[in-house]
Amino acid sequence: MTFGGYYYAVGPIIALLVVAVLALLLRWTFSRGRSLVERRPSRGDSSEYGLLEVVSAPATFVEAEVQRRTLLDAGIRATLAPTTEGPRVMVFPEEAGLARQLLEGRGGRP
């Protein structure tokens, strides 16, 4: 393929086109209201969290975070889920029994 005397301009033109396409994609991805990345989190029922099992139903998010940190400090993977019924501390089923024991031992409400 020959470009005559303009062969030196082909590389920079291709590079500018690639950068322009990437800029358009990023602008579309991060634009407000139409983004596929940024979505408002939705609250669901406690049964809508896949494999996770509820081990505690505290009254406040502060209490739930304290319980979650207690489980994390004990080596149990835990998450705080804002459900439609209120905050729930959730763990995987194989760790649920131990998690309930730990939370009951420190005065938590399972």
PDB file of N, CA and C in Angstrom:
ATOM      1  N   MET A   1       0.846  -1.163   0.000  1.00  0.00           N
ATOM      2  CA  MET A   1       0.000   0.000   0.000  1.00  0.00           C
ATOM      3  C   MET A   1       0.898   1.234   0.000  1.00  0.00           C
ATOM      4  N   THR A   2       0.694   2.083  -0.943  1.00  0.00           N
ATOM      5  CA  THR A   2       1.503   3.291  -1.027  1.00  0.00           C
ATOM      6  C   THR A   2       0.630   4.515  -0.782  1.00  0.00           C
ATOM      7  N   PHE A   3       1.191   5.463  -0.091  1.00  0.00           N
ATOM      8  CA  PHE A   3       0.489   6.702   0.215  1.00  0.00           C
ATOM      9  C   PHE A   3       1.180   7.889  -0.432  1.00  0.00           C
ATOM     10  N   GLY A   4       2.046   7.619  -1.361  1.00  0.00           N
ATOM     11  CA  GLY A   4       2.771   8.686  -2.017  1.00  0.00           C
ATOM     12  C   GLY A   4       3.690   9.387  -1.029  1.00  0.00           C
ATOM     13  N   GLY A   5       3.658  10.677  -1.001  1.00  0.00           N
ATOM     14  CA  GLY A   5       4.516  11.450  -0.101  1.00  0.00           C
ATOM     15  C   GLY A   5       3.908  11.667   1.272  1.00  0.00           C
ATOM     16  N   TYR A   6       2.754  11.057   1.547  1.00  0.00           N
ATOM     17  CA  TYR A   6       2.061  11.291   2.822  1.00  0.00           C
ATOM     18  C   TYR A   6       2.166  10.120   3.790  1.00  0.00           C
ATOM     19  N   TYR A   7       3.072   9.199   3.564  1.00  0.00           N
ATOM     20  CA  TYR A   7       3.200   8.028   4.420  1.00  0.00           C
ATOM     21  C   TYR A   7       3.542   8.400   5.862  1.00  0.00           C
ATOM     22  N   TYR A   8       4.205   9.520   6.088  1.00  0.00           N
ATOM     23  CA  TYR A   8       4.591   9.944   7.439  1.00  0.00           C
ATOM     24  C   TYR A   8       3.376  10.421   8.249  1.00  0.00           C
ATOM     25  N   ALA A   9       2.260  10.764   7.603  1.00  0.00           N
ATOM     26  CA  ALA A   9       1.081  11.273   8.302  1.00  0.00           C
ATOM     27  C   ALA A   9       0.093  10.173   8.678  1.00  0.00           C
ATOM     28  N   VAL A  10       0.237   8.970   8.153  1.00  0.00           N
ATOM     29  CA  VAL A  10      -0.728   7.903   8.395  1.00  0.00           C
ATOM     30  C   VAL A  10      -0.724   7.459   9.861  1.00  0.00           C
ATOM     31  N   GLY A  11       0.422   7.257  10.442  1.00  0.00           N
ATOM     32  CA  GLY A  11       0.531   6.818  11.840  1.00  0.00           C
ATOM     33  C   GLY A  11      -0.135   7.779  12.809  1.00  0.00           C
ATOM     34  N   PRO A  12       0.199   9.074  12.774  1.00  0.00           N
ATOM     35  CA  PRO A  12      -0.459  10.017  13.683  1.00  0.00           C
ATOM     36  C   PRO A  12      -1.968  10.137  13.456  1.00  0.00           C
ATOM     37  N   ILE A  13      -2.427  10.034  12.218  1.00  0.00           N
ATOM     38  CA  ILE A  13      -3.867  10.105  11.954  1.00  0.00           C
ATOM     39  C   ILE A  13      -4.587   8.921  12.578  1.00  0.00           C
ATOM     40  N   ILE A  14      -4.030   7.730  12.445  1.00  0.00           N
ATOM     41  CA  ILE A  14      -4.624   6.536  13.049  1.00  0.00           C
ATOM     42  C   ILE A  14      -4.637   6.668  14.573  1.00  0.00           C
ATOM     43  N   ALA A  15      -3.540   7.175  15.142  1.00  0.00           N
ATOM     44  CA  ALA A  15      -3.473   7.360  16.593  1.00  0.00           C
ATOM     45  C   ALA A  15      -4.529   8.355  17.068  1.00  0.00           C
ATOM     46  N   LEU A  16      -4.727   9.447  16.352  1.00  0.00           N
ATOM     47  CA  LEU A  16      -5.740  10.435  16.726  1.00  0.00           C
ATOM     48  C   LEU A  16      -7.144   9.852  16.624  1.00  0.00           C
ATOM     49  N   LEU A  17      -7.400   9.035  15.616  1.00  0.00           N
ATOM     50  CA  LEU A  17      -8.708   8.394  15.482  1.00  0.00           C
ATOM     51  C   LEU A  17      -8.981   7.440  16.649  1.00  0.00           C
ATOM     52  N   VAL A  18      -7.981   6.686  17.055  1.00  0.00           N
ATOM     53  CA  VAL A  18      -8.139   5.762  18.184  1.00  0.00           C
ATOM     54  C   VAL A  18      -8.421   6.543  19.460  1.00  0.00           C
ATOM     55  N   VAL A  19      -7.681   7.621  19.695  1.00  0.00           N
ATOM     56  CA  VAL A  19      -7.898   8.440  20.887  1.00  0.00           C
ATOM     57  C   VAL A  19      -9.295   9.063  20.858  1.00  0.00           C
ATOM     58  N   ALA A  20      -9.750   9.525  19.701  1.00  0.00           N
ATOM     59  CA  ALA A  20     -11.088  10.117  19.580  1.00  0.00           C
ATOM     60  C   ALA A  20     -12.170   9.090  19.889  1.00  0.00           C
ATOM     61  N   VAL A  21     -12.026   7.873  19.380  1.00  0.00           N
ATOM     62  CA  VAL A  21     -13.006   6.827  19.657  1.00  0.00           C
ATOM     63  C   VAL A  21     -13.015   6.492  21.148  1.00  0.00           C
ATOM     64  N   LEU A  22     -11.847   6.384  21.766  1.00  0.00           N
ATOM     65  CA  LEU A  22     -11.780   6.108  23.208  1.00  0.00           C
ATOM     66  C   LEU A  22     -12.401   7.237  24.016  1.00  0.00           C
ATOM     67  N   ALA A  23     -12.170   8.483  23.628  1.00  0.00           N
ATOM     68  CA  ALA A  23     -12.760   9.625  24.326  1.00  0.00           C
ATOM     69  C   ALA A  23     -14.286   9.589  24.230  1.00  0.00           C
ATOM     70  N   LEU A  24     -14.817   9.263  23.073  1.00  0.00           N
ATOM     71  CA  LEU A  24     -16.267   9.163  22.919  1.00  0.00           C
ATOM     72  C   LEU A  24     -16.846   8.030  23.768  1.00  0.00           C
ATOM     73  N   LEU A  25     -16.171   6.909  23.797  1.00  0.00           N
ATOM     74  CA  LEU A  25     -16.638   5.791  24.621  1.00  0.00           C
ATOM     75  C   LEU A  25     -16.626   6.144  26.104  1.00  0.00           C
ATOM     76  N   LEU A  26     -15.568   6.789  26.578  1.00  0.00           N
ATOM     77  CA  LEU A  26     -15.490   7.186  27.983  1.00  0.00           C
ATOM     78  C   LEU A  26     -16.546   8.230  28.324  1.00  0.00           C
ATOM     79  N   ARG A  27     -16.767   9.167  27.418  1.00  0.00           N
ATOM     80  CA  ARG A  27     -17.791  10.186  27.656  1.00  0.00           C
ATOM     81  C   ARG A  27     -19.173   9.540  27.761  1.00  0.00           C
ATOM     82  N   TRP A  28     -19.462   8.580  26.912  1.00  0.00           N
ATOM     83  CA  TRP A  28     -20.736   7.875  26.946  1.00  0.00           C
ATOM     84  C   TRP A  28     -20.860   7.035  28.223  1.00  0.00           C
ATOM     85  N   THR A  29     -19.782   6.370  28.607  1.00  0.00           N
ATOM     86  CA  THR A  29     -19.809   5.495  29.770  1.00  0.00           C
ATOM     87  C   THR A  29     -20.049   6.271  31.052  1.00  0.00           C
ATOM     88  N   PHE A  30     -19.433   7.424  31.211  1.00  0.00           N
ATOM     89  CA  PHE A  30     -19.512   8.171  32.461  1.00  0.00           C
ATOM     90  C   PHE A  30     -20.455   9.361  32.422  1.00  0.00           C
ATOM     91  N   SER A  31     -21.309   9.460  31.424  1.00  0.00           N
ATOM     92  CA  SER A  31     -22.258  10.567  31.380  1.00  0.00           C
ATOM     93  C   SER A  31     -23.373  10.319  32.389  1.00  0.00           C
ATOM     94  N   ARG A  32     -23.948  11.374  32.925  1.00  0.00           N
ATOM     95  CA  ARG A  32     -24.992  11.258  33.951  1.00  0.00           C
ATOM     96  C   ARG A  32     -26.307  10.791  33.337  1.00  0.00           C
ATOM     97  N   GLY A  33     -26.939   9.861  34.029  1.00  0.00           N
ATOM     98  CA  GLY A  33     -28.261   9.420  33.642  1.00  0.00           C
ATOM     99  C   GLY A  33     -28.315   8.334  32.589  1.00  0.00           C
ATOM    100  N   ARG A  34     -27.293   8.169  31.814  1.00  0.00           N
ATOM    101  CA  ARG A  34     -27.310   7.163  30.753  1.00  0.00           C
ATOM    102  C   ARG A  34     -26.192   6.139  30.907  1.00  0.00           C
ATOM    103  N   SER A  35     -25.477   6.206  31.981  1.00  0.00           N
ATOM    104  CA  SER A  35     -24.312   5.358  32.148  1.00  0.00           C
ATOM    105  C   SER A  35     -24.698   3.916  32.450  1.00  0.00           C
ATOM    106  N   LEU A  36     -23.925   2.997  31.910  1.00  0.00           N
ATOM    107  CA  LEU A  36     -24.093   1.596  32.246  1.00  0.00           C
ATOM    108  C   LEU A  36     -23.344   1.250  33.526  1.00  0.00           C
ATOM    109  N   VAL A  37     -22.389   2.088  33.897  1.00  0.00           N
ATOM    110  CA  VAL A  37     -21.556   1.829  35.064  1.00  0.00           C
ATOM    111  C   VAL A  37     -22.215   2.365  36.327  1.00  0.00           C
ATOM    112  N   GLU A  38     -22.667   3.613  36.290  1.00  0.00           N
ATOM    113  CA  GLU A  38     -23.211   4.262  37.469  1.00  0.00           C
ATOM    114  C   GLU A  38     -24.706   4.009  37.556  1.00  0.00           C
ATOM    115  N   ARG A  39     -25.113   3.255  38.548  1.00  0.00           N
ATOM    116  CA  ARG A  39     -26.525   2.993  38.787  1.00  0.00           C
ATOM    117  C   ARG A  39     -26.813   3.181  40.266  1.00  0.00           C
ATOM    118  N   ARG A  40     -27.991   3.637  40.562  1.00  0.00           N
ATOM    119  CA  ARG A  40     -28.392   3.737  41.961  1.00  0.00           C
ATOM    120  C   ARG A  40     -28.580   2.326  42.508  1.00  0.00           C
ATOM    121  N   PRO A  41     -28.029   2.059  43.686  1.00  0.00           N
ATOM    122  CA  PRO A  41     -28.233   0.734  44.264  1.00  0.00           C
ATOM    123  C   PRO A  41     -29.694   0.542  44.632  1.00  0.00           C
ATOM    124  N   SER A  42     -30.204  -0.629  44.349  1.00  0.00           N
ATOM    125  CA  SER A  42     -31.596  -0.909  44.680  1.00  0.00           C
ATOM    126  C   SER A  42     -31.647  -1.818  45.897  1.00  0.00           C
ATOM    127  N   ARG A  43     -32.656  -1.583  46.717  1.00  0.00           N
ATOM    128  CA  ARG A  43     -32.845  -2.420  47.900  1.00  0.00           C
ATOM    129  C   ARG A  43     -33.782  -3.554  47.540  1.00  0.00           C
ATOM    130  N   GLY A  44     -33.399  -4.730  47.952  1.00  0.00           N
ATOM    131  CA  GLY A  44     -34.222  -5.894  47.670  1.00  0.00           C
ATOM    132  C   GLY A  44     -34.572  -6.627  48.941  1.00  0.00           C
ATOM    133  N   ASP A  45     -35.322  -7.663  48.792  1.00  0.00           N
ATOM    134  CA  ASP A  45     -35.669  -8.537  49.896  1.00  0.00           C
ATOM    135  C   ASP A  45     -34.418  -9.299  50.317  1.00  0.00           C
ATOM    136  N   SER A  46     -34.358  -9.724  51.562  1.00  0.00           N
ATOM    137  CA  SER A  46     -33.153 -10.418  52.039  1.00  0.00           C
ATOM    138  C   SER A  46     -32.933 -11.748  51.328  1.00  0.00           C
ATOM    139  N   SER A  47     -33.948 -12.265  50.647  1.00  0.00           N
ATOM    140  CA  SER A  47     -33.773 -13.523  49.909  1.00  0.00           C
ATOM    141  C   SER A  47     -33.194 -13.298  48.515  1.00  0.00           C
ATOM    142  N   GLU A  48     -32.971 -12.052  48.127  1.00  0.00           N
ATOM    143  CA  GLU A  48     -32.484 -11.737  46.784  1.00  0.00           C
ATOM    144  C   GLU A  48     -30.966 -11.553  46.720  1.00  0.00           C
ATOM    145  N   TYR A  49     -30.243 -12.052  47.698  1.00  0.00           N
ATOM    146  CA  TYR A  49     -28.799 -11.851  47.735  1.00  0.00           C
ATOM    147  C   TYR A  49     -28.023 -13.127  47.432  1.00  0.00           C
ATOM    148  N   GLY A  50     -28.566 -13.983  46.614  1.00  0.00           N
ATOM    149  CA  GLY A  50     -27.843 -15.159  46.144  1.00  0.00           C
ATOM    150  C   GLY A  50     -27.539 -16.148  47.240  1.00  0.00           C
ATOM    151  N   LEU A  51     -26.276 -16.509  47.354  1.00  0.00           N
ATOM    152  CA  LEU A  51     -25.855 -17.519  48.318  1.00  0.00           C
ATOM    153  C   LEU A  51     -25.779 -17.006  49.743  1.00  0.00           C
ATOM    154  N   LEU A  52     -25.809 -15.708  49.932  1.00  0.00           N
ATOM    155  CA  LEU A  52     -25.646 -15.159  51.276  1.00  0.00           C
ATOM    156  C   LEU A  52     -26.851 -15.469  52.152  1.00  0.00           C
ATOM    157  N   GLU A  53     -26.562 -15.680  53.439  1.00  0.00           N
ATOM    158  CA  GLU A  53     -27.592 -16.030  54.408  1.00  0.00           C
ATOM    159  C   GLU A  53     -27.592 -14.997  55.528  1.00  0.00           C
ATOM    160  N   VAL A  54     -28.773 -14.592  55.954  1.00  0.00           N
ATOM    161  CA  VAL A  54     -28.900 -13.595  57.022  1.00  0.00           C
ATOM    162  C   VAL A  54     -28.528 -14.243  58.351  1.00  0.00           C
ATOM    163  N   VAL A  55     -27.608 -13.606  59.088  1.00  0.00           N
ATOM    164  CA  VAL A  55     -27.247 -14.087  60.420  1.00  0.00           C
ATOM    165  C   VAL A  55     -27.642 -13.102  61.505  1.00  0.00           C
ATOM    166  N   SER A  56     -27.973 -11.876  61.118  1.00  0.00           N
ATOM    167  CA  SER A  56     -28.358 -10.886  62.104  1.00  0.00           C
ATOM    168  C   SER A  56     -29.240  -9.829  61.454  1.00  0.00           C
ATOM    169  N   ALA A  57     -30.217  -9.355  62.231  1.00  0.00           N
ATOM    170  CA  ALA A  57     -31.128  -8.304  61.775  1.00  0.00           C
ATOM    171  C   ALA A  57     -31.113  -7.162  62.786  1.00  0.00           C
ATOM    172  N   PRO A  58     -30.039  -6.384  62.823  1.00  0.00           N
ATOM    173  CA  PRO A  58     -29.943  -5.296  63.800  1.00  0.00           C
ATOM    174  C   PRO A  58     -30.914  -4.158  63.476  1.00  0.00           C
ATOM    175  N   ALA A  59     -31.154  -3.319  64.474  1.00  0.00           N
ATOM    176  CA  ALA A  59     -32.099  -2.215  64.306  1.00  0.00           C
ATOM    177  C   ALA A  59     -31.519  -1.059  63.503  1.00  0.00           C
ATOM    178  N   THR A  60     -30.211  -0.827  63.614  1.00  0.00           N
ATOM    179  CA  THR A  60     -29.590   0.325  62.947  1.00  0.00           C
ATOM    180  C   THR A  60     -28.397  -0.121  62.106  1.00  0.00           C
ATOM    181  N   PHE A  61     -28.006   0.748  61.184  1.00  0.00           N
ATOM    182  CA  PHE A  61     -26.837   0.456  60.357  1.00  0.00           C
ATOM    183  C   PHE A  61     -25.552   0.501  61.173  1.00  0.00           C
ATOM    184  N   VAL A  62     -25.515   1.319  62.207  1.00  0.00           N
ATOM    185  CA  VAL A  62     -24.322   1.390  63.059  1.00  0.00           C
ATOM    186  C   VAL A  62     -24.119   0.064  63.776  1.00  0.00           C
ATOM    187  N   GLU A  63     -25.184  -0.460  64.355  1.00  0.00           N
ATOM    188  CA  GLU A  63     -25.106  -1.757  65.028  1.00  0.00           C
ATOM    189  C   GLU A  63     -24.735  -2.862  64.039  1.00  0.00           C
ATOM    190  N   ALA A  64     -25.285  -2.790  62.842  1.00  0.00           N
ATOM    191  CA  ALA A  64     -24.965  -3.784  61.813  1.00  0.00           C
ATOM    192  C   ALA A  64     -23.497  -3.726  61.419  1.00  0.00           C
ATOM    193  N   GLU A  65     -22.948  -2.523  61.307  1.00  0.00           N
ATOM    194  CA  GLU A  65     -21.531  -2.381  60.946  1.00  0.00           C
ATOM    195  C   GLU A  65     -20.631  -2.911  62.054  1.00  0.00           C
ATOM    196  N   VAL A  66     -21.006  -2.693  63.315  1.00  0.00           N
ATOM    197  CA  VAL A  66     -20.222  -3.236  64.436  1.00  0.00           C
ATOM    198  C   VAL A  66     -20.228  -4.763  64.377  1.00  0.00           C
ATOM    199  N   GLN A  67     -21.384  -5.349  64.101  1.00  0.00           N
ATOM    200  CA  GLN A  67     -21.463  -6.806  64.003  1.00  0.00           C
ATOM    201  C   GLN A  67     -20.660  -7.332  62.809  1.00  0.00           C
ATOM    202  N   ARG A  68     -20.741  -6.626  61.699  1.00  0.00           N
ATOM    203  CA  ARG A  68     -19.970  -7.041  60.512  1.00  0.00           C
ATOM    204  C   ARG A  68     -18.480  -7.011  60.804  1.00  0.00           C
ATOM    205  N   ARG A  69     -18.022  -5.948  61.469  1.00  0.00           N
ATOM    206  CA  ARG A  69     -16.595  -5.844  61.813  1.00  0.00           C
ATOM    207  C   ARG A  69     -16.185  -6.941  62.788  1.00  0.00           C
ATOM    208  N   THR A  70     -17.072  -7.308  63.713  1.00  0.00           N
ATOM    209  CA  THR A  70     -16.783  -8.407  64.642  1.00  0.00           C
ATOM    210  C   THR A  70     -16.554  -9.706  63.881  1.00  0.00           C
ATOM    211  N   LEU A  71     -17.407  -9.957  62.902  1.00  0.00           N
ATOM    212  CA  LEU A  71     -17.252 -11.175  62.102  1.00  0.00           C
ATOM    213  C   LEU A  71     -15.992 -11.128  61.254  1.00  0.00           C
ATOM    214  N   LEU A  72     -15.700  -9.968  60.677  1.00  0.00           N
ATOM    215  CA  LEU A  72     -14.469  -9.846  59.879  1.00  0.00           C
ATOM    216  C   LEU A  72     -13.231 -10.059  60.740  1.00  0.00           C
ATOM    217  N   ASP A  73     -13.247  -9.523  61.955  1.00  0.00           N
ATOM    218  CA  ASP A  73     -12.101  -9.715  62.862  1.00  0.00           C
ATOM    219  C   ASP A  73     -11.923 -11.176  63.251  1.00  0.00           C
ATOM    220  N   ALA A  74     -13.020 -11.947  63.237  1.00  0.00           N
ATOM    221  CA  ALA A  74     -12.955 -13.376  63.551  1.00  0.00           C
ATOM    222  C   ALA A  74     -12.600 -14.216  62.322  1.00  0.00           C
ATOM    223  N   GLY A  75     -12.419 -13.570  61.170  1.00  0.00           N
ATOM    224  CA  GLY A  75     -12.039 -14.278  59.961  1.00  0.00           C
ATOM    225  C   GLY A  75     -13.208 -14.785  59.138  1.00  0.00           C
ATOM    226  N   ILE A  76     -14.400 -14.270  59.405  1.00  0.00           N
ATOM    227  CA  ILE A  76     -15.594 -14.687  58.662  1.00  0.00           C
ATOM    228  C   ILE A  76     -15.942 -13.583  57.664  1.00  0.00           C
ATOM    229  N   ARG A  77     -16.082 -13.961  56.403  1.00  0.00           N
ATOM    230  CA  ARG A  77     -16.450 -12.990  55.368  1.00  0.00           C
ATOM    231  C   ARG A  77     -17.907 -12.591  55.576  1.00  0.00           C
ATOM    232  N   ALA A  78     -18.141 -11.316  55.803  1.00  0.00           N
ATOM    233  CA  ALA A  78     -19.494 -10.828  56.073  1.00  0.00           C
ATOM    234  C   ALA A  78     -19.740  -9.555  55.288  1.00  0.00           C
ATOM    235  N   THR A  79     -21.023  -9.311  55.016  1.00  0.00           N
ATOM    236  CA  THR A  79     -21.398  -8.088  54.314  1.00  0.00           C
ATOM    237  C   THR A  79     -22.625  -7.490  54.977  1.00  0.00           C
ATOM    238  N   LEU A  80     -22.767  -6.189  54.831  1.00  0.00           N
ATOM    239  CA  LEU A  80     -23.924  -5.469  55.348  1.00  0.00           C
ATOM    240  C   LEU A  80     -24.807  -5.130  54.164  1.00  0.00           C
ATOM    241  N   ALA A  81     -26.032  -5.654  54.169  1.00  0.00           N
ATOM    242  CA  ALA A  81     -26.944  -5.460  53.043  1.00  0.00           C
ATOM    243  C   ALA A  81     -28.114  -4.580  53.473  1.00  0.00           C
ATOM    244  N   PRO A  82     -28.342  -3.470  52.760  1.00  0.00           N
ATOM    245  CA  PRO A  82     -29.513  -2.644  53.056  1.00  0.00           C
ATOM    246  C   PRO A  82     -30.744  -3.221  52.353  1.00  0.00           C
ATOM    247  N   THR A  83     -31.521  -4.012  53.056  1.00  0.00           N
ATOM    248  CA  THR A  83     -32.690  -4.658  52.455  1.00  0.00           C
ATOM    249  C   THR A  83     -33.946  -3.832  52.709  1.00  0.00           C
ATOM    250  N   THR A  84     -35.043  -4.252  52.122  1.00  0.00           N
ATOM    251  CA  THR A  84     -36.306  -3.554  52.329  1.00  0.00           C
ATOM    252  C   THR A  84     -36.818  -3.729  53.750  1.00  0.00           C
ATOM    253  N   GLU A  85     -36.355  -4.759  54.452  1.00  0.00           N
ATOM    254  CA  GLU A  85     -36.746  -4.983  55.851  1.00  0.00           C
ATOM    255  C   GLU A  85     -35.832  -4.268  56.833  1.00  0.00           C
ATOM    256  N   GLY A  86     -34.793  -3.624  56.354  1.00  0.00           N
ATOM    257  CA  GLY A  86     -33.808  -2.968  57.206  1.00  0.00           C
ATOM    258  C   GLY A  86     -32.436  -3.574  56.984  1.00  0.00           C
ATOM    259  N   PRO A  87     -31.439  -3.141  57.751  1.00  0.00           N
ATOM    260  CA  PRO A  87     -30.086  -3.674  57.554  1.00  0.00           C
ATOM    261  C   PRO A  87     -29.995  -5.142  57.966  1.00  0.00           C
ATOM    262  N   ARG A  88     -29.228  -5.897  57.187  1.00  0.00           N
ATOM    263  CA  ARG A  88     -29.016  -7.307  57.477  1.00  0.00           C
ATOM    264  C   ARG A  88     -27.530  -7.628  57.338  1.00  0.00           C
ATOM    265  N   VAL A  89     -27.007  -8.387  58.293  1.00  0.00           N
ATOM    266  CA  VAL A  89     -25.635  -8.876  58.212  1.00  0.00           C
ATOM    267  C   VAL A  89     -25.716 -10.260  57.581  1.00  0.00           C
ATOM    268  N   MET A  90     -24.951 -10.453  56.497  1.00  0.00           N
ATOM    269  CA  MET A  90     -25.051 -11.694  55.733  1.00  0.00           C
ATOM    270  C   MET A  90     -23.687 -12.345  55.576  1.00  0.00           C
ATOM    271  N   VAL A  91     -23.694 -13.681  55.582  1.00  0.00           N
ATOM    272  CA  VAL A  91     -22.474 -14.472  55.386  1.00  0.00           C
ATOM    273  C   VAL A  91     -22.808 -15.640  54.466  1.00  0.00           C
ATOM    274  N   PHE A  92     -21.784 -16.366  54.066  1.00  0.00           N
ATOM    275  CA  PHE A  92     -21.991 -17.570  53.271  1.00  0.00           C
ATOM    276  C   PHE A  92     -22.509 -18.693  54.179  1.00  0.00           C
ATOM    277  N   PRO A  93     -23.308 -19.607  53.641  1.00  0.00           N
ATOM    278  CA  PRO A  93     -23.960 -20.643  54.470  1.00  0.00           C
ATOM    279  C   PRO A  93     -22.995 -21.480  55.303  1.00  0.00           C
ATOM    280  N   GLU A  94     -21.828 -21.795  54.776  1.00  0.00           N
ATOM    281  CA  GLU A  94     -20.895 -22.642  55.535  1.00  0.00           C
ATOM    282  C   GLU A  94     -20.329 -21.945  56.769  1.00  0.00           C
ATOM    283  N   GLU A  95     -20.449 -20.629  56.845  1.00  0.00           N
ATOM    284  CA  GLU A  95     -19.948 -19.876  58.002  1.00  0.00           C
ATOM    285  C   GLU A  95     -21.082 -19.329  58.865  1.00  0.00           C
ATOM    286  N   ALA A  96     -22.337 -19.613  58.518  1.00  0.00           N
ATOM    287  CA  ALA A  96     -23.485 -19.021  59.201  1.00  0.00           C
ATOM    288  C   ALA A  96     -23.591 -19.465  60.660  1.00  0.00           C
ATOM    289  N   GLY A  97     -23.400 -20.737  60.931  1.00  0.00           N
ATOM    290  CA  GLY A  97     -23.508 -21.226  62.309  1.00  0.00           C
ATOM    291  C   GLY A  97     -22.501 -20.570  63.232  1.00  0.00           C
ATOM    292  N   LEU A  98     -21.247 -20.513  62.802  1.00  0.00           N
ATOM    293  CA  LEU A  98     -20.204 -19.880  63.604  1.00  0.00           C
ATOM    294  C   LEU A  98     -20.473 -18.388  63.778  1.00  0.00           C
ATOM    295  N   ALA A  99     -20.960 -17.755  62.731  1.00  0.00           N
ATOM    296  CA  ALA A  99     -21.259 -16.327  62.802  1.00  0.00           C
ATOM    297  C   ALA A  99     -22.358 -16.056  63.824  1.00  0.00           C
ATOM    298  N   ARG A 100     -23.402 -16.872  63.818  1.00  0.00           N
ATOM    299  CA  ARG A 100     -24.485 -16.696  64.793  1.00  0.00           C
ATOM    300  C   ARG A 100     -23.986 -16.896  66.217  1.00  0.00           C
ATOM    301  N   GLN A 101     -23.121 -17.887  66.421  1.00  0.00           N
ATOM    302  CA  GLN A 101     -22.555 -18.125  67.749  1.00  0.00           C
ATOM    303  C   GLN A 101     -21.755 -16.918  68.218  1.00  0.00           C
ATOM    304  N   LEU A 102     -20.927 -16.371  67.326  1.00  0.00           N
ATOM    305  CA  LEU A 102     -20.120 -15.202  67.702  1.00  0.00           C
ATOM    306  C   LEU A 102     -20.998 -14.004  68.042  1.00  0.00           C
ATOM    307  N   LEU A 103     -22.032 -13.769  67.265  1.00  0.00           N
ATOM    308  CA  LEU A 103     -22.896 -12.620  67.509  1.00  0.00           C
ATOM    309  C   LEU A 103     -23.760 -12.802  68.737  1.00  0.00           C
ATOM    310  N   GLU A 104     -24.196 -14.023  69.032  1.00  0.00           N
ATOM    311  CA  GLU A 104     -24.970 -14.273  70.237  1.00  0.00           C
ATOM    312  C   GLU A 104     -24.094 -14.128  71.474  1.00  0.00           C
ATOM    313  N   GLY A 105     -22.832 -14.502  71.351  1.00  0.00           N
ATOM    314  CA  GLY A 105     -21.899 -14.408  72.468  1.00  0.00           C
ATOM    315  C   GLY A 105     -21.590 -12.973  72.849  1.00  0.00           C
ATOM    316  N   ARG A 106     -21.749 -12.028  71.916  1.00  0.00           N
ATOM    317  CA  ARG A 106     -21.466 -10.623  72.239  1.00  0.00           C
ATOM    318  C   ARG A 106     -22.732  -9.808  72.377  1.00  0.00           C
ATOM    319  N   GLY A 107     -23.894 -10.475  72.461  1.00  0.00           N
ATOM    320  CA  GLY A 107     -25.145  -9.755  72.705  1.00  0.00           C
ATOM    321  C   GLY A 107     -25.847  -9.296  71.442  1.00  0.00           C
ATOM    322  N   GLY A 108     -25.486  -9.864  70.306  1.00  0.00           N
ATOM    323  CA  GLY A 108     -26.142  -9.481  69.051  1.00  0.00           C
ATOM    324  C   GLY A 108     -27.500 -10.145  68.928  1.00  0.00           C
ATOM    325  N   ARG A 109     -28.364  -9.571  68.096  1.00  0.00           N
ATOM    326  CA  ARG A 109     -29.685 -10.130  67.842  1.00  0.00           C
ATOM    327  C   ARG A 109     -29.690 -10.877  66.527  1.00  0.00           C
ATOM    328  N   PRO A 110     -29.706 -12.214  66.524  1.00  0.00           N
ATOM    329  CA  PRO A 110     -29.731 -12.943  65.243  1.00  0.00           C
ATOM    330  C   PRO A 110     -31.080 -12.857  64.566  1.00  0.00           C
TER     331      PRO A 110
END
